[in-house]
Structure formats: structure tokens, C-alpha cells
Amino acid sequence: MPKVDKETFRNTEDGDLTDIEILEEDIIQAIGDLNMNSSAGPDGIPAKFLINTKDSIATPLKLILRKSLDEGKIPDLFKLAYVTPIHKGGSKLKPEQYRPVSLTSHVMKIFERVVKRNIMKHLIEQNLLNPGQHGFVPGRSTKTQLLQHYCDIFETLSEGTRIDTIFLDFAKAFDKVDH
């Protein structure tokens, strides 16, 4: 396994997670993204409860998230998950025909969405994302990636330059990663 120089990935900016601004509106918006019919995770808090009490519960959740970020700790209960194997098809006797599905805390999902929104906002505002990055970027998708690829092909061909394209299919790629 190749060694990675840790200095390559060292954070050279002054900011850290304590710089993240958490607004009650962010908490309310993240609660609004929850599916009302989702089952409760290990913490026993159903999405329906959070959705129906979002205006009242936003401030306490904001304070808990702020404390977690400031201390760099997440309550253990929010880290737990109920893991259920879901059959993908084929023989039910083969373990590789199952994929795990984790039922996690809705409160943790809210926290993750708020933090993700702040991180993405920072990356976009500071122009830190590679222009070729289309996955997981607001306003971009596999369709925008394909359109960009088409534009690159036509631009290259109009310049009279040869272009080669390789298509790869990473079927069951996750199954092949050394865990």
C-alpha cells in the first residue's frame, strides 16, 4: 500500500468546525427534509415527532449541535444504527446477494445536513471545488457531467484534434474495495 504524506492533506486555514454558524433556520430546513414516515433509529426519536415540533425543538437541537462541534464529541446514542440486510436478488443463500441498510438517528441526520450545508457553502464560496466535480454538487449531476463531456468532445473535434473516450462500469465496485 502506498504511503501518503500527511502534510499534503494538512489544513492550512485558521478555521475549523467551531467556525460553523448554526442557525435555527438551518435546523428547521433539515428537519423539513426528513421523511415523515421514517422509523425511529436507536435513539427512539421518530421523524414525525421532529417534524411536528420543529419550531419548538430547533433551539435545543441547535445548542446540542453547537456543543458537539465545540467539544468535538457526538453523543454515543447518535452514533448507533440498526443494520438490516436487504436482499439484492439472486440466491438468498449467498451473503454477497445482500446489502446492509442502516437505520440511524434522525437527530444525527439533521446535524449531518447542517454541517454538510456549511461545508458545501464554504467550498463553493472559496472556489475550492474542481470544475470537473459534478457528483454531490448543487446544480450539477451525471447529466451535467455528460453535457460537459459532449462539449469537450465537440470542442476538441472542431480544433482538428483526435480524442479518445473510455467508459468504465464500476458494477459492484464497493464489493471489491478492501475493507
N, C-alpha and C. Protein backbone atom coordinates (compact mmCIF):
# COMPACT_ATOMS: atom_id res chain seq x y z
N MET A 1 0.85 -1.18 0.00
CA MET A 1 0.00 0.00 0.00
C MET A 1 0.90 1.24 0.00
N PRO A 2 0.65 2.19 -0.92
CA PRO A 2 1.49 3.39 -0.96
C PRO A 2 1.29 4.26 0.28
N LYS A 3 2.37 4.90 0.69
CA LYS A 3 2.29 5.78 1.86
C LYS A 3 1.87 7.18 1.40
N VAL A 4 1.05 7.81 2.22
CA VAL A 4 0.57 9.16 1.91
C VAL A 4 1.23 10.14 2.86
N ASP A 5 1.77 11.19 2.29
CA ASP A 5 2.37 12.24 3.10
C ASP A 5 1.26 13.03 3.78
N LYS A 6 1.20 12.96 5.10
CA LYS A 6 0.12 13.61 5.85
C LYS A 6 0.11 15.12 5.66
N GLU A 7 1.26 15.70 5.37
CA GLU A 7 1.33 17.15 5.18
C GLU A 7 0.55 17.60 3.95
N THR A 8 0.38 16.69 2.98
CA THR A 8 -0.38 17.01 1.78
C THR A 8 -1.80 17.40 2.12
N PHE A 9 -2.36 16.78 3.14
CA PHE A 9 -3.76 16.99 3.50
C PHE A 9 -3.93 17.84 4.76
N ARG A 10 -2.85 18.44 5.22
CA ARG A 10 -2.92 19.25 6.44
C ARG A 10 -3.73 20.51 6.17
N ASN A 11 -4.61 20.85 7.10
CA ASN A 11 -5.43 22.06 6.99
C ASN A 11 -4.55 23.27 7.27
N THR A 12 -4.42 24.15 6.27
CA THR A 12 -3.58 25.34 6.44
C THR A 12 -4.41 26.58 6.78
N GLU A 13 -5.72 26.42 6.86
CA GLU A 13 -6.58 27.54 7.20
C GLU A 13 -6.77 27.61 8.71
N ASP A 14 -7.09 28.81 9.18
CA ASP A 14 -7.31 29.01 10.61
C ASP A 14 -8.61 28.39 11.09
N GLY A 15 -9.62 28.33 10.23
CA GLY A 15 -10.95 27.89 10.63
C GLY A 15 -11.04 26.40 10.91
N ASP A 16 -12.00 26.04 11.73
CA ASP A 16 -12.30 24.64 11.98
C ASP A 16 -13.81 24.52 12.17
N LEU A 17 -14.27 23.40 12.69
CA LEU A 17 -15.71 23.20 12.84
C LEU A 17 -16.36 24.15 13.83
N THR A 18 -15.57 24.76 14.70
CA THR A 18 -16.16 25.71 15.63
C THR A 18 -16.54 27.00 14.92
N ASP A 19 -16.05 27.19 13.69
CA ASP A 19 -16.40 28.37 12.91
C ASP A 19 -17.75 28.23 12.22
N ILE A 20 -18.30 27.04 12.20
CA ILE A 20 -19.57 26.82 11.50
C ILE A 20 -20.69 27.56 12.23
N GLU A 21 -21.39 28.38 11.46
CA GLU A 21 -22.52 29.11 12.02
C GLU A 21 -23.76 28.23 11.91
N ILE A 22 -24.42 28.01 13.03
CA ILE A 22 -25.62 27.18 13.05
C ILE A 22 -26.81 28.08 13.33
N LEU A 23 -27.72 28.10 12.39
CA LEU A 23 -28.92 28.91 12.54
C LEU A 23 -30.12 28.01 12.78
N GLU A 24 -31.08 28.50 13.53
CA GLU A 24 -32.30 27.72 13.76
C GLU A 24 -32.99 27.42 12.44
N GLU A 25 -32.89 28.35 11.49
CA GLU A 25 -33.50 28.13 10.17
C GLU A 25 -32.87 26.91 9.48
N ASP A 26 -31.55 26.72 9.68
CA ASP A 26 -30.86 25.55 9.11
C ASP A 26 -31.41 24.26 9.71
N ILE A 27 -31.62 24.27 11.02
CA ILE A 27 -32.17 23.10 11.72
C ILE A 27 -33.58 22.82 11.21
N ILE A 28 -34.40 23.86 11.11
CA ILE A 28 -35.79 23.69 10.64
C ILE A 28 -35.82 23.17 9.21
N GLN A 29 -34.93 23.70 8.36
CA GLN A 29 -34.88 23.23 6.97
C GLN A 29 -34.46 21.76 6.92
N ALA A 30 -33.46 21.38 7.71
CA ALA A 30 -33.00 19.99 7.73
C ALA A 30 -34.10 19.06 8.25
N ILE A 31 -34.86 19.52 9.23
CA ILE A 31 -35.99 18.72 9.73
C ILE A 31 -37.02 18.55 8.62
N GLY A 32 -37.24 19.61 7.86
CA GLY A 32 -38.19 19.56 6.75
C GLY A 32 -37.80 18.56 5.67
N ASP A 33 -36.51 18.23 5.59
CA ASP A 33 -36.03 17.25 4.61
C ASP A 33 -36.30 15.81 5.03
N LEU A 34 -36.66 15.60 6.30
CA LEU A 34 -36.91 14.24 6.80
C LEU A 34 -38.19 13.67 6.20
N ASN A 35 -38.21 12.35 6.07
CA ASN A 35 -39.41 11.64 5.61
C ASN A 35 -40.30 11.38 6.82
N MET A 36 -41.51 11.91 6.79
CA MET A 36 -42.46 11.79 7.90
C MET A 36 -42.69 10.34 8.32
N ASN A 37 -42.62 9.41 7.37
CA ASN A 37 -42.94 8.01 7.65
C ASN A 37 -41.73 7.16 8.05
N SER A 38 -40.57 7.79 8.18
CA SER A 38 -39.37 7.03 8.55
C SER A 38 -39.46 6.52 9.97
N SER A 39 -38.97 5.32 10.16
CA SER A 39 -38.95 4.72 11.50
C SER A 39 -37.89 5.39 12.36
N ALA A 40 -38.09 5.32 13.64
CA ALA A 40 -37.11 5.86 14.59
C ALA A 40 -35.85 5.01 14.57
N GLY A 41 -34.73 5.66 14.77
CA GLY A 41 -33.46 4.95 14.88
C GLY A 41 -33.25 4.50 16.31
N PRO A 42 -32.01 4.13 16.66
CA PRO A 42 -31.72 3.63 18.01
C PRO A 42 -32.02 4.63 19.13
N ASP A 43 -32.08 5.92 18.80
CA ASP A 43 -32.39 6.90 19.85
C ASP A 43 -33.89 6.96 20.16
N GLY A 44 -34.71 6.28 19.34
CA GLY A 44 -36.14 6.20 19.59
C GLY A 44 -36.94 7.44 19.21
N ILE A 45 -36.29 8.41 18.55
CA ILE A 45 -36.98 9.65 18.18
C ILE A 45 -37.48 9.54 16.74
N PRO A 46 -38.80 9.44 16.55
CA PRO A 46 -39.33 9.31 15.19
C PRO A 46 -39.29 10.64 14.43
N ALA A 47 -39.17 10.54 13.11
CA ALA A 47 -39.14 11.74 12.26
C ALA A 47 -40.42 12.55 12.43
N LYS A 48 -41.53 11.87 12.60
CA LYS A 48 -42.82 12.55 12.74
C LYS A 48 -42.80 13.51 13.93
N PHE A 49 -42.21 13.09 15.04
CA PHE A 49 -42.11 13.95 16.22
C PHE A 49 -41.29 15.20 15.91
N LEU A 50 -40.14 15.01 15.27
CA LEU A 50 -39.27 16.14 14.94
C LEU A 50 -39.96 17.11 13.98
N ILE A 51 -40.65 16.56 12.99
CA ILE A 51 -41.34 17.40 12.01
C ILE A 51 -42.46 18.19 12.67
N ASN A 52 -43.23 17.53 13.52
CA ASN A 52 -44.38 18.20 14.16
C ASN A 52 -43.97 19.20 15.24
N THR A 53 -42.74 19.11 15.73
CA THR A 53 -42.29 20.02 16.80
C THR A 53 -41.11 20.88 16.35
N LYS A 54 -40.88 20.97 15.05
CA LYS A 54 -39.65 21.61 14.56
C LYS A 54 -39.44 23.04 15.06
N ASP A 55 -40.50 23.82 15.18
CA ASP A 55 -40.32 25.20 15.64
C ASP A 55 -39.91 25.26 17.11
N SER A 56 -40.39 24.31 17.90
CA SER A 56 -40.06 24.28 19.34
C SER A 56 -38.72 23.61 19.61
N ILE A 57 -38.37 22.66 18.77
CA ILE A 57 -37.18 21.85 19.05
C ILE A 57 -35.92 22.39 18.36
N ALA A 58 -36.07 23.36 17.47
CA ALA A 58 -34.93 23.89 16.72
C ALA A 58 -33.85 24.48 17.63
N THR A 59 -34.25 25.25 18.63
CA THR A 59 -33.27 25.87 19.53
C THR A 59 -32.51 24.84 20.35
N PRO A 60 -33.18 23.88 21.01
CA PRO A 60 -32.42 22.86 21.75
C PRO A 60 -31.48 22.05 20.84
N LEU A 61 -31.94 21.71 19.64
CA LEU A 61 -31.07 20.96 18.72
C LEU A 61 -29.87 21.80 18.29
N LYS A 62 -30.10 23.07 18.07
CA LYS A 62 -29.01 23.99 17.71
C LYS A 62 -27.96 24.02 18.82
N LEU A 63 -28.41 24.09 20.07
CA LEU A 63 -27.48 24.13 21.20
C LEU A 63 -26.70 22.83 21.35
N ILE A 64 -27.37 21.70 21.13
CA ILE A 64 -26.69 20.40 21.21
C ILE A 64 -25.65 20.29 20.10
N LEU A 65 -26.01 20.69 18.88
CA LEU A 65 -25.06 20.63 17.77
C LEU A 65 -23.89 21.57 18.01
N ARG A 66 -24.16 22.75 18.49
CA ARG A 66 -23.09 23.72 18.77
C ARG A 66 -22.11 23.13 19.80
N LYS A 67 -22.66 22.52 20.87
CA LYS A 67 -21.82 21.92 21.91
C LYS A 67 -21.00 20.76 21.32
N SER A 68 -21.62 19.95 20.48
CA SER A 68 -20.92 18.83 19.86
C SER A 68 -19.76 19.31 19.00
N LEU A 69 -20.00 20.35 18.21
CA LEU A 69 -18.94 20.88 17.36
C LEU A 69 -17.83 21.53 18.18
N ASP A 70 -18.21 22.28 19.20
CA ASP A 70 -17.21 22.96 20.04
C ASP A 70 -16.33 21.96 20.78
N GLU A 71 -16.92 20.87 21.26
CA GLU A 71 -16.17 19.89 22.04
C GLU A 71 -15.58 18.77 21.18
N GLY A 72 -16.03 18.70 19.92
CA GLY A 72 -15.55 17.64 19.04
C GLY A 72 -16.06 16.27 19.44
N LYS A 73 -17.24 16.24 20.06
CA LYS A 73 -17.82 14.98 20.52
C LYS A 73 -19.27 14.89 20.07
N ILE A 74 -19.68 13.67 19.73
CA ILE A 74 -21.06 13.39 19.37
C ILE A 74 -21.60 12.40 20.39
N PRO A 75 -22.79 12.63 20.92
CA PRO A 75 -23.36 11.67 21.88
C PRO A 75 -23.38 10.25 21.29
N ASP A 76 -22.96 9.28 22.09
CA ASP A 76 -22.88 7.89 21.63
C ASP A 76 -24.19 7.39 21.04
N LEU A 77 -25.30 7.78 21.60
CA LEU A 77 -26.60 7.32 21.13
C LEU A 77 -26.84 7.70 19.66
N PHE A 78 -26.28 8.85 19.25
CA PHE A 78 -26.46 9.30 17.87
C PHE A 78 -25.56 8.55 16.89
N LYS A 79 -24.57 7.83 17.40
CA LYS A 79 -23.65 7.09 16.54
C LYS A 79 -24.13 5.67 16.23
N LEU A 80 -25.15 5.22 16.94
CA LEU A 80 -25.65 3.85 16.77
C LEU A 80 -26.53 3.73 15.53
N ALA A 81 -26.64 2.50 15.02
CA ALA A 81 -27.51 2.24 13.87
C ALA A 81 -28.07 0.83 13.98
N TYR A 82 -29.30 0.68 13.49
CA TYR A 82 -29.87 -0.65 13.31
C TYR A 82 -29.51 -1.06 11.89
N VAL A 83 -28.77 -2.16 11.75
CA VAL A 83 -28.35 -2.60 10.42
C VAL A 83 -29.17 -3.82 10.03
N THR A 84 -29.78 -3.74 8.85
CA THR A 84 -30.62 -4.82 8.34
C THR A 84 -30.12 -5.24 6.97
N PRO A 85 -29.93 -6.55 6.75
CA PRO A 85 -29.53 -6.99 5.40
C PRO A 85 -30.73 -6.97 4.46
N ILE A 86 -30.57 -6.38 3.29
CA ILE A 86 -31.62 -6.33 2.27
C ILE A 86 -31.17 -7.15 1.08
N HIS A 87 -32.03 -8.07 0.65
CA HIS A 87 -31.71 -8.95 -0.47
C HIS A 87 -31.69 -8.16 -1.78
N LYS A 88 -30.61 -8.33 -2.57
CA LYS A 88 -30.47 -7.61 -3.83
C LYS A 88 -31.02 -8.39 -5.01
N GLY A 89 -31.23 -9.67 -4.85
CA GLY A 89 -31.65 -10.52 -5.96
C GLY A 89 -30.74 -11.73 -6.04
N GLY A 90 -31.14 -12.71 -6.79
CA GLY A 90 -30.34 -13.93 -6.90
C GLY A 90 -30.60 -14.85 -5.72
N SER A 91 -29.64 -15.72 -5.47
CA SER A 91 -29.78 -16.71 -4.41
C SER A 91 -29.81 -16.06 -3.03
N LYS A 92 -30.80 -16.43 -2.25
CA LYS A 92 -30.89 -15.91 -0.89
C LYS A 92 -29.91 -16.61 0.05
N LEU A 93 -29.22 -17.63 -0.45
CA LEU A 93 -28.25 -18.36 0.35
C LEU A 93 -26.86 -17.74 0.29
N LYS A 94 -26.64 -16.83 -0.67
CA LYS A 94 -25.32 -16.22 -0.84
C LYS A 94 -25.27 -14.86 -0.14
N PRO A 95 -24.33 -14.72 0.80
CA PRO A 95 -24.22 -13.45 1.53
C PRO A 95 -23.96 -12.24 0.62
N GLU A 96 -23.26 -12.46 -0.50
CA GLU A 96 -22.95 -11.34 -1.38
C GLU A 96 -24.18 -10.78 -2.11
N GLN A 97 -25.31 -11.48 -1.98
CA GLN A 97 -26.55 -11.02 -2.60
C GLN A 97 -27.36 -10.12 -1.65
N TYR A 98 -26.72 -9.70 -0.58
CA TYR A 98 -27.37 -8.81 0.38
C TYR A 98 -26.55 -7.53 0.52
N ARG A 99 -27.24 -6.45 0.79
CA ARG A 99 -26.56 -5.19 1.09
C ARG A 99 -27.08 -4.69 2.43
N PRO A 100 -26.22 -4.07 3.21
CA PRO A 100 -26.68 -3.58 4.51
C PRO A 100 -27.41 -2.24 4.38
N VAL A 101 -28.47 -2.08 5.12
CA VAL A 101 -29.17 -0.81 5.22
C VAL A 101 -29.16 -0.42 6.69
N SER A 102 -28.72 0.79 6.96
CA SER A 102 -28.61 1.25 8.35
C SER A 102 -29.70 2.26 8.67
N LEU A 103 -30.39 2.01 9.75
CA LEU A 103 -31.39 2.94 10.27
C LEU A 103 -30.71 3.73 11.38
N THR A 104 -30.49 5.01 11.12
CA THR A 104 -29.73 5.85 12.05
C THR A 104 -30.63 6.91 12.69
N SER A 105 -30.07 7.63 13.61
CA SER A 105 -30.79 8.67 14.34
C SER A 105 -31.19 9.82 13.41
N HIS A 106 -32.45 10.23 13.48
CA HIS A 106 -32.91 11.38 12.70
C HIS A 106 -32.23 12.66 13.19
N VAL A 107 -31.96 12.74 14.48
CA VAL A 107 -31.27 13.91 15.01
C VAL A 107 -29.88 14.01 14.39
N MET A 108 -29.20 12.87 14.27
CA MET A 108 -27.87 12.88 13.66
C MET A 108 -27.96 13.27 12.19
N LYS A 109 -29.00 12.81 11.50
CA LYS A 109 -29.18 13.20 10.09
C LYS A 109 -29.34 14.71 9.97
N ILE A 110 -30.08 15.30 10.89
CA ILE A 110 -30.25 16.76 10.90
C ILE A 110 -28.90 17.44 11.08
N PHE A 111 -28.12 16.97 12.05
CA PHE A 111 -26.80 17.54 12.30
C PHE A 111 -25.91 17.41 11.07
N GLU A 112 -25.92 16.23 10.46
CA GLU A 112 -25.09 16.00 9.27
C GLU A 112 -25.47 16.94 8.14
N ARG A 113 -26.76 17.16 7.94
CA ARG A 113 -27.22 18.05 6.86
C ARG A 113 -26.79 19.49 7.11
N VAL A 114 -26.89 19.93 8.35
CA VAL A 114 -26.49 21.30 8.68
C VAL A 114 -24.99 21.48 8.46
N VAL A 115 -24.19 20.54 8.92
CA VAL A 115 -22.74 20.62 8.74
C VAL A 115 -22.39 20.54 7.26
N LYS A 116 -23.01 19.60 6.54
CA LYS A 116 -22.74 19.46 5.10
C LYS A 116 -23.06 20.76 4.37
N ARG A 117 -24.20 21.35 4.67
CA ARG A 117 -24.60 22.60 4.01
C ARG A 117 -23.53 23.68 4.23
N ASN A 118 -23.03 23.76 5.45
CA ASN A 118 -22.00 24.76 5.76
C ASN A 118 -20.69 24.47 5.04
N ILE A 119 -20.30 23.21 5.00
CA ILE A 119 -19.06 22.83 4.31
C ILE A 119 -19.18 23.11 2.82
N MET A 120 -20.31 22.70 2.21
CA MET A 120 -20.50 22.94 0.78
C MET A 120 -20.52 24.44 0.47
N LYS A 121 -21.17 25.20 1.32
CA LYS A 121 -21.21 26.66 1.14
C LYS A 121 -19.79 27.23 1.13
N HIS A 122 -18.98 26.78 2.07
CA HIS A 122 -17.58 27.23 2.15
C HIS A 122 -16.81 26.83 0.90
N LEU A 123 -16.94 25.58 0.48
CA LEU A 123 -16.21 25.10 -0.70
C LEU A 123 -16.60 25.89 -1.95
N ILE A 124 -17.89 26.17 -2.09
CA ILE A 124 -18.36 26.90 -3.27
C ILE A 124 -17.92 28.36 -3.21
N GLU A 125 -18.11 29.01 -2.05
CA GLU A 125 -17.74 30.43 -1.91
C GLU A 125 -16.25 30.65 -2.09
N GLN A 126 -15.44 29.71 -1.64
CA GLN A 126 -13.99 29.84 -1.74
C GLN A 126 -13.44 29.25 -3.05
N ASN A 127 -14.35 28.80 -3.91
CA ASN A 127 -13.97 28.22 -5.20
C ASN A 127 -12.96 27.08 -5.03
N LEU A 128 -13.24 26.19 -4.09
CA LEU A 128 -12.33 25.09 -3.78
C LEU A 128 -12.69 23.78 -4.47
N LEU A 129 -13.84 23.76 -5.16
CA LEU A 129 -14.24 22.54 -5.86
C LEU A 129 -13.64 22.52 -7.26
N ASN A 130 -13.19 21.36 -7.67
CA ASN A 130 -12.70 21.19 -9.03
C ASN A 130 -13.86 21.41 -9.98
N PRO A 131 -13.66 22.19 -11.06
CA PRO A 131 -14.75 22.42 -12.00
C PRO A 131 -15.29 21.14 -12.63
N GLY A 132 -14.49 20.09 -12.63
CA GLY A 132 -14.93 18.81 -13.18
C GLY A 132 -15.76 17.98 -12.22
N GLN A 133 -15.88 18.46 -10.98
CA GLN A 133 -16.67 17.73 -9.98
C GLN A 133 -18.15 17.98 -10.21
N HIS A 134 -18.89 16.92 -10.51
CA HIS A 134 -20.32 17.06 -10.75
C HIS A 134 -21.15 16.32 -9.70
N GLY A 135 -20.61 15.25 -9.14
CA GLY A 135 -21.35 14.49 -8.14
C GLY A 135 -21.41 15.24 -6.83
N PHE A 136 -22.58 15.22 -6.20
CA PHE A 136 -22.80 15.79 -4.87
C PHE A 136 -22.60 17.31 -4.82
N VAL A 137 -22.74 17.97 -5.97
CA VAL A 137 -22.62 19.42 -6.02
C VAL A 137 -23.97 19.99 -6.44
N PRO A 138 -24.50 20.95 -5.67
CA PRO A 138 -25.81 21.52 -6.04
C PRO A 138 -25.80 22.08 -7.46
N GLY A 139 -26.83 21.75 -8.21
CA GLY A 139 -26.95 22.24 -9.59
C GLY A 139 -26.18 21.42 -10.60
N ARG A 140 -25.50 20.38 -10.14
CA ARG A 140 -24.75 19.51 -11.05
C ARG A 140 -25.21 18.07 -10.86
N SER A 141 -24.97 17.26 -11.89
CA SER A 141 -25.43 15.87 -11.84
C SER A 141 -24.69 15.06 -12.89
N THR A 142 -25.08 13.81 -13.03
CA THR A 142 -24.49 12.99 -14.09
C THR A 142 -24.85 13.57 -15.46
N LYS A 143 -26.01 14.23 -15.55
CA LYS A 143 -26.42 14.86 -16.83
C LYS A 143 -25.52 16.03 -17.16
N THR A 144 -25.20 16.87 -16.17
CA THR A 144 -24.32 18.00 -16.46
C THR A 144 -22.91 17.50 -16.79
N GLN A 145 -22.50 16.40 -16.16
CA GLN A 145 -21.20 15.81 -16.48
C GLN A 145 -21.18 15.33 -17.93
N LEU A 146 -22.26 14.67 -18.36
CA LEU A 146 -22.35 14.18 -19.73
C LEU A 146 -22.36 15.34 -20.73
N LEU A 147 -23.11 16.40 -20.42
CA LEU A 147 -23.13 17.58 -21.30
C LEU A 147 -21.74 18.21 -21.40
N GLN A 148 -21.04 18.29 -20.28
CA GLN A 148 -19.68 18.83 -20.29
C GLN A 148 -18.77 17.97 -21.15
N HIS A 149 -18.93 16.66 -21.03
CA HIS A 149 -18.13 15.72 -21.83
C HIS A 149 -18.42 15.91 -23.32
N TYR A 150 -19.70 16.04 -23.67
CA TYR A 150 -20.08 16.31 -25.07
C TYR A 150 -19.41 17.59 -25.58
N CYS A 151 -19.49 18.65 -24.78
CA CYS A 151 -18.88 19.92 -25.17
C CYS A 151 -17.38 19.76 -25.39
N ASP A 152 -16.72 19.03 -24.49
CA ASP A 152 -15.29 18.79 -24.63
C ASP A 152 -14.98 18.03 -25.92
N ILE A 153 -15.81 17.03 -26.24
CA ILE A 153 -15.62 16.25 -27.47
C ILE A 153 -15.75 17.15 -28.69
N PHE A 154 -16.84 17.92 -28.77
CA PHE A 154 -17.07 18.77 -29.94
C PHE A 154 -16.01 19.86 -30.07
N GLU A 155 -15.58 20.42 -28.95
CA GLU A 155 -14.53 21.44 -28.98
C GLU A 155 -13.23 20.85 -29.50
N THR A 156 -12.88 19.68 -29.02
CA THR A 156 -11.65 19.02 -29.44
C THR A 156 -11.71 18.65 -30.92
N LEU A 157 -12.85 18.11 -31.36
CA LEU A 157 -13.00 17.74 -32.77
C LEU A 157 -12.97 18.97 -33.68
N SER A 158 -13.57 20.08 -33.24
CA SER A 158 -13.57 21.29 -34.06
C SER A 158 -12.17 21.88 -34.21
N GLU A 159 -11.29 21.57 -33.26
CA GLU A 159 -9.89 22.00 -33.34
C GLU A 159 -9.07 21.07 -34.21
N GLY A 160 -9.69 19.98 -34.67
CA GLY A 160 -8.99 19.01 -35.50
C GLY A 160 -8.11 18.06 -34.72
N THR A 161 -8.32 18.00 -33.44
CA THR A 161 -7.52 17.12 -32.57
C THR A 161 -8.26 15.81 -32.37
N ARG A 162 -7.49 14.76 -32.26
CA ARG A 162 -8.07 13.44 -32.01
C ARG A 162 -8.47 13.33 -30.54
N ILE A 163 -9.53 12.61 -30.29
CA ILE A 163 -9.99 12.42 -28.91
C ILE A 163 -10.36 10.96 -28.69
N ASP A 164 -9.98 10.44 -27.56
CA ASP A 164 -10.34 9.08 -27.17
C ASP A 164 -11.18 9.15 -25.91
N THR A 165 -12.15 8.26 -25.84
CA THR A 165 -13.01 8.20 -24.66
C THR A 165 -13.05 6.77 -24.16
N ILE A 166 -12.94 6.62 -22.87
CA ILE A 166 -13.03 5.29 -22.25
C ILE A 166 -14.20 5.32 -21.29
N PHE A 167 -15.09 4.36 -21.41
CA PHE A 167 -16.22 4.24 -20.49
C PHE A 167 -15.95 3.06 -19.56
N LEU A 168 -16.10 3.28 -18.29
CA LEU A 168 -15.90 2.23 -17.30
C LEU A 168 -17.19 2.01 -16.53
N ASP A 169 -17.45 0.78 -16.20
CA ASP A 169 -18.62 0.45 -15.39
C ASP A 169 -18.10 -0.16 -14.10
N PHE A 170 -18.38 0.49 -13.00
CA PHE A 170 -17.91 0.02 -11.71
C PHE A 170 -18.99 -0.79 -11.00
N ALA A 171 -19.53 -1.77 -11.69
CA ALA A 171 -20.55 -2.63 -11.10
C ALA A 171 -19.98 -3.33 -9.88
N LYS A 172 -20.72 -3.26 -8.79
CA LYS A 172 -20.32 -3.87 -7.52
C LYS A 172 -18.93 -3.39 -7.08
N ALA A 173 -18.61 -2.15 -7.42
CA ALA A 173 -17.29 -1.60 -7.08
C ALA A 173 -17.07 -1.62 -5.57
N PHE A 174 -18.10 -1.32 -4.80
CA PHE A 174 -17.95 -1.28 -3.35
C PHE A 174 -17.58 -2.66 -2.81
N ASP A 175 -18.11 -3.71 -3.45
CA ASP A 175 -17.81 -5.08 -3.02
C ASP A 175 -16.34 -5.43 -3.22
N LYS A 176 -15.67 -4.72 -4.13
CA LYS A 176 -14.29 -5.04 -4.47
C LYS A 176 -13.26 -4.24 -3.66
N VAL A 177 -13.73 -3.26 -2.89
CA VAL A 177 -12.83 -2.45 -2.09
C VAL A 177 -12.37 -3.24 -0.88
N ASP A 178 -11.06 -3.18 -0.62
CA ASP A 178 -10.51 -3.88 0.54
C ASP A 178 -10.93 -3.13 1.80
N HIS A 179 -11.75 -3.77 2.63
CA HIS A 179 -12.23 -3.14 3.85
C HIS A 179 -11.35 -3.57 5.01
